[in-house]
């Protein structure tokens, strides 16, 4: 909730600065999980 309130205020760049590390980790983990899911499916 705090990040949403900050995004609507004049400190919008601060909200993006706080979210950046989370987005970096998410951007690494999600493709890794998608690749693991693709490897577990048999190809016809």
PDB file of N, CA and C in Angstrom:
ATOM      1  N   UNK A   1       0.824  -1.188   0.000  1.00  0.00           N
ATOM      2  CA  UNK A   1       0.000   0.000   0.000  1.00  0.00           C
ATOM      3  C   UNK A   1       0.871   1.256   0.000  1.00  0.00           C
ATOM      4  N   UNK A   2       1.982   1.187   0.751  1.00  0.00           N
ATOM      5  CA  UNK A   2       2.865   2.352   0.823  1.00  0.00           C
ATOM      6  C   UNK A   2       3.412   2.707  -0.554  1.00  0.00           C
ATOM      7  N   UNK A   3       3.784   1.693  -1.337  1.00  0.00           N
ATOM      8  CA  UNK A   3       4.346   1.966  -2.666  1.00  0.00           C
ATOM      9  C   UNK A   3       3.283   2.571  -3.581  1.00  0.00           C
ATOM     10  N   UNK A   4       2.043   2.126  -3.461  1.00  0.00           N
ATOM     11  CA  UNK A   4       0.969   2.694  -4.269  1.00  0.00           C
ATOM     12  C   UNK A   4       0.687   4.143  -3.919  1.00  0.00           C
ATOM     13  N   UNK A   5       0.719   4.453  -2.629  1.00  0.00           N
ATOM     14  CA  UNK A   5       0.507   5.841  -2.205  1.00  0.00           C
ATOM     15  C   UNK A   5       1.657   6.726  -2.681  1.00  0.00           C
ATOM     16  N   UNK A   6       2.874   6.194  -2.636  1.00  0.00           N
ATOM     17  CA  UNK A   6       4.028   6.964  -3.098  1.00  0.00           C
ATOM     18  C   UNK A   6       3.958   7.184  -4.602  1.00  0.00           C
ATOM     19  N   UNK A   7       3.466   6.194  -5.344  1.00  0.00           N
ATOM     20  CA  UNK A   7       3.375   6.330  -6.798  1.00  0.00           C
ATOM     21  C   UNK A   7       2.385   7.417  -7.202  1.00  0.00           C
ATOM     22  N   UNK A   8       1.386   7.659  -6.378  1.00  0.00           N
ATOM     23  CA  UNK A   8       0.406   8.688  -6.700  1.00  0.00           C
ATOM     24  C   UNK A   8       0.831  10.064  -6.194  1.00  0.00           C
ATOM     25  N   UNK A   9       1.920  10.149  -5.450  1.00  0.00           N
ATOM     26  CA  UNK A   9       2.368  11.438  -4.928  1.00  0.00           C
ATOM     27  C   UNK A   9       3.432  12.027  -5.855  1.00  0.00           C
ATOM     28  N   UNK A  10       4.028  13.124  -5.416  1.00  0.00           N
ATOM     29  CA  UNK A  10       5.072  13.751  -6.224  1.00  0.00           C
ATOM     30  C   UNK A  10       6.385  12.982  -6.150  1.00  0.00           C
ATOM     31  N   UNK A  11       6.449  11.974  -5.281  1.00  0.00           N
ATOM     32  CA  UNK A  11       7.664  11.170  -5.144  1.00  0.00           C
ATOM     33  C   UNK A  11       7.586   9.911  -6.022  1.00  0.00           C
ATOM     34  N   UNK A  12       7.057  10.014  -7.191  1.00  0.00           N
ATOM     35  CA  UNK A  12       6.841   8.838  -8.039  1.00  0.00           C
ATOM     36  C   UNK A  12       8.156   8.169  -8.408  1.00  0.00           C
ATOM     37  N   UNK A  13       9.226   8.915  -8.580  1.00  0.00           N
ATOM     38  CA  UNK A  13      10.510   8.300  -8.905  1.00  0.00           C
ATOM     39  C   UNK A  13      11.068   7.504  -7.733  1.00  0.00           C
ATOM     40  N   UNK A  14      10.756   7.919  -6.510  1.00  0.00           N
ATOM     41  CA  UNK A  14      11.170   7.144  -5.340  1.00  0.00           C
ATOM     42  C   UNK A  14      10.485   5.777  -5.328  1.00  0.00           C
ATOM     43  N   UNK A  15       9.227   5.737  -5.733  1.00  0.00           N
ATOM     44  CA  UNK A  15       8.509   4.457  -5.773  1.00  0.00           C
ATOM     45  C   UNK A  15       9.155   3.510  -6.775  1.00  0.00           C
ATOM     46  N   UNK A  16       9.568   4.013  -7.921  1.00  0.00           N
ATOM     47  CA  UNK A  16      10.230   3.160  -8.894  1.00  0.00           C
ATOM     48  C   UNK A  16      11.598   2.718  -8.411  1.00  0.00           C
ATOM     49  N   UNK A  17      12.303   3.570  -7.672  1.00  0.00           N
ATOM     50  CA  UNK A  17      13.612   3.206  -7.132  1.00  0.00           C
ATOM     51  C   UNK A  17      13.485   2.088  -6.104  1.00  0.00           C
ATOM     52  N   UNK A  18      12.415   2.112  -5.308  1.00  0.00           N
ATOM     53  CA  UNK A  18      12.196   1.062  -4.312  1.00  0.00           C
ATOM     54  C   UNK A  18      11.798  -0.240  -5.002  1.00  0.00           C
ATOM     55  N   UNK A  19      11.042  -0.163  -6.075  1.00  0.00           N
ATOM     56  CA  UNK A  19      10.552  -1.357  -6.760  1.00  0.00           C
ATOM     57  C   UNK A  19      11.617  -2.002  -7.650  1.00  0.00           C
ATOM     58  N   UNK A  20      12.661  -1.278  -8.000  1.00  0.00           N
ATOM     59  CA  UNK A  20      13.636  -1.777  -8.971  1.00  0.00           C
ATOM     60  C   UNK A  20      14.318  -3.081  -8.538  1.00  0.00           C
ATOM     61  N   UNK A  21      14.807  -3.244  -7.301  1.00  0.00           N
ATOM     62  CA  UNK A  21      15.419  -4.519  -6.917  1.00  0.00           C
ATOM     63  C   UNK A  21      14.441  -5.695  -7.005  1.00  0.00           C
ATOM     64  N   UNK A  22      13.181  -5.469  -6.609  1.00  0.00           N
ATOM     65  CA  UNK A  22      12.177  -6.529  -6.713  1.00  0.00           C
ATOM     66  C   UNK A  22      11.964  -6.930  -8.169  1.00  0.00           C
ATOM     67  N   UNK A  23      11.903  -5.949  -9.060  1.00  0.00           N
ATOM     68  CA  UNK A  23      11.696  -6.249 -10.472  1.00  0.00           C
ATOM     69  C   UNK A  23      12.908  -6.961 -11.070  1.00  0.00           C
ATOM     70  N   UNK A  24      14.107  -6.634 -10.613  1.00  0.00           N
ATOM     71  CA  UNK A  24      15.299  -7.343 -11.083  1.00  0.00           C
ATOM     72  C   UNK A  24      15.238  -8.822 -10.721  1.00  0.00           C
ATOM     73  N   UNK A  25      14.891  -9.112  -9.481  1.00  0.00           N
ATOM     74  CA  UNK A  25      14.818 -10.510  -9.040  1.00  0.00           C
ATOM     75  C   UNK A  25      13.694 -11.229  -9.761  1.00  0.00           C
ATOM     76  N   UNK A  26      12.537 -10.594  -9.878  1.00  0.00           N
ATOM     77  CA  UNK A  26      11.397 -11.216 -10.556  1.00  0.00           C
ATOM     78  C   UNK A  26      11.722 -11.490 -12.013  1.00  0.00           C
ATOM     79  N   UNK A  27      12.452 -10.583 -12.644  1.00  0.00           N
ATOM     80  CA  UNK A  27      12.821 -10.766 -14.045  1.00  0.00           C
ATOM     81  C   UNK A  27      13.784 -11.906 -14.272  1.00  0.00           C
ATOM     82  N   UNK A  28      14.502 -12.324 -13.231  1.00  0.00           N
ATOM     83  CA  UNK A  28      15.381 -13.485 -13.340  1.00  0.00           C
ATOM     84  C   UNK A  28      14.665 -14.780 -12.997  1.00  0.00           C
ATOM     85  N   UNK A  29      13.798 -14.728 -11.994  1.00  0.00           N
ATOM     86  CA  UNK A  29      13.162 -15.948 -11.496  1.00  0.00           C
ATOM     87  C   UNK A  29      12.053 -16.433 -12.426  1.00  0.00           C
ATOM     88  N   UNK A  30      11.229 -15.541 -12.918  1.00  0.00           N
ATOM     89  CA  UNK A  30      10.085 -15.952 -13.748  1.00  0.00           C
ATOM     90  C   UNK A  30      10.542 -16.647 -15.038  1.00  0.00           C
ATOM     91  N   UNK A  31      11.491 -16.091 -15.816  1.00  0.00           N
ATOM     92  CA  UNK A  31      11.938 -16.826 -17.007  1.00  0.00           C
ATOM     93  C   UNK A  31      12.583 -18.171 -16.675  1.00  0.00           C
ATOM     94  N   UNK A  32      13.269 -18.235 -15.530  1.00  0.00           N
ATOM     95  CA  UNK A  32      13.876 -19.517 -15.135  1.00  0.00           C
ATOM     96  C   UNK A  32      12.805 -20.563 -14.887  1.00  0.00           C
ATOM     97  N   UNK A  33      11.721 -20.187 -14.193  1.00  0.00           N
ATOM     98  CA  UNK A  33      10.632 -21.125 -13.958  1.00  0.00           C
ATOM     99  C   UNK A  33       9.939 -21.516 -15.263  1.00  0.00           C
ATOM    100  N   UNK A  34       9.789 -20.557 -16.173  1.00  0.00           N
ATOM    101  CA  UNK A  34       9.164 -20.877 -17.455  1.00  0.00           C
ATOM    102  C   UNK A  34      10.031 -21.837 -18.260  1.00  0.00           C
ATOM    103  N   UNK A  35      11.341 -21.668 -18.190  1.00  0.00           N
ATOM    104  CA  UNK A  35      12.234 -22.591 -18.899  1.00  0.00           C
ATOM    105  C   UNK A  35      12.180 -23.972 -18.288  1.00  0.00           C
ATOM    106  N   UNK A  36      12.114 -24.063 -16.964  1.00  0.00           N
ATOM    107  CA  UNK A  36      12.012 -25.378 -16.318  1.00  0.00           C
ATOM    108  C   UNK A  36      10.689 -26.054 -16.690  1.00  0.00           C
ATOM    109  N   UNK A  37       9.623 -25.293 -16.772  1.00  0.00           N
ATOM    110  CA  UNK A  37       8.330 -25.870 -17.163  1.00  0.00           C
ATOM    111  C   UNK A  37       8.360 -26.358 -18.594  1.00  0.00           C
ATOM    112  N   UNK A  38       9.056 -25.639 -19.481  1.00  0.00           N
ATOM    113  CA  UNK A  38       9.151 -26.056 -20.869  1.00  0.00           C
ATOM    114  C   UNK A  38       9.993 -27.306 -21.036  1.00  0.00           C
ATOM    115  N   UNK A  39      10.972 -27.474 -20.188  1.00  0.00           N
ATOM    116  CA  UNK A  39      11.828 -28.668 -20.270  1.00  0.00           C
ATOM    117  C   UNK A  39      11.126 -29.907 -19.754  1.00  0.00           C
ATOM    118  N   UNK A  40      10.136 -29.739 -18.877  1.00  0.00           N
ATOM    119  CA  UNK A  40       9.475 -30.909 -18.300  1.00  0.00           C
ATOM    120  C   UNK A  40       8.361 -31.438 -19.201  1.00  0.00           C
ATOM    121  N   UNK A  41       7.962 -30.686 -20.229  1.00  0.00           N
ATOM    122  CA  UNK A  41       6.921 -31.160 -21.137  1.00  0.00           C
ATOM    123  C   UNK A  41       7.532 -31.935 -22.287  1.00  0.00           C
ATOM    124  N   UNK A  42       7.010 -33.081 -22.607  1.00  0.00           N
ATOM    125  CA  UNK A  42       7.550 -33.826 -23.754  1.00  0.00           C
ATOM    126  C   UNK A  42       7.139 -33.183 -25.088  1.00  0.00           C
ATOM    127  N   UNK A  43       8.033 -33.173 -26.003  1.00  0.00           N
ATOM    128  CA  UNK A  43       7.734 -32.663 -27.354  1.00  0.00           C
ATOM    129  C   UNK A  43       7.190 -33.807 -28.208  1.00  0.00           C
ATOM    130  N   UNK A  44       6.169 -33.545 -28.989  1.00  0.00           N
ATOM    131  CA  UNK A  44       5.609 -34.629 -29.825  1.00  0.00           C
ATOM    132  C   UNK A  44       6.504 -34.935 -31.015  1.00  0.00           C
TER     133      UNK A  44
END
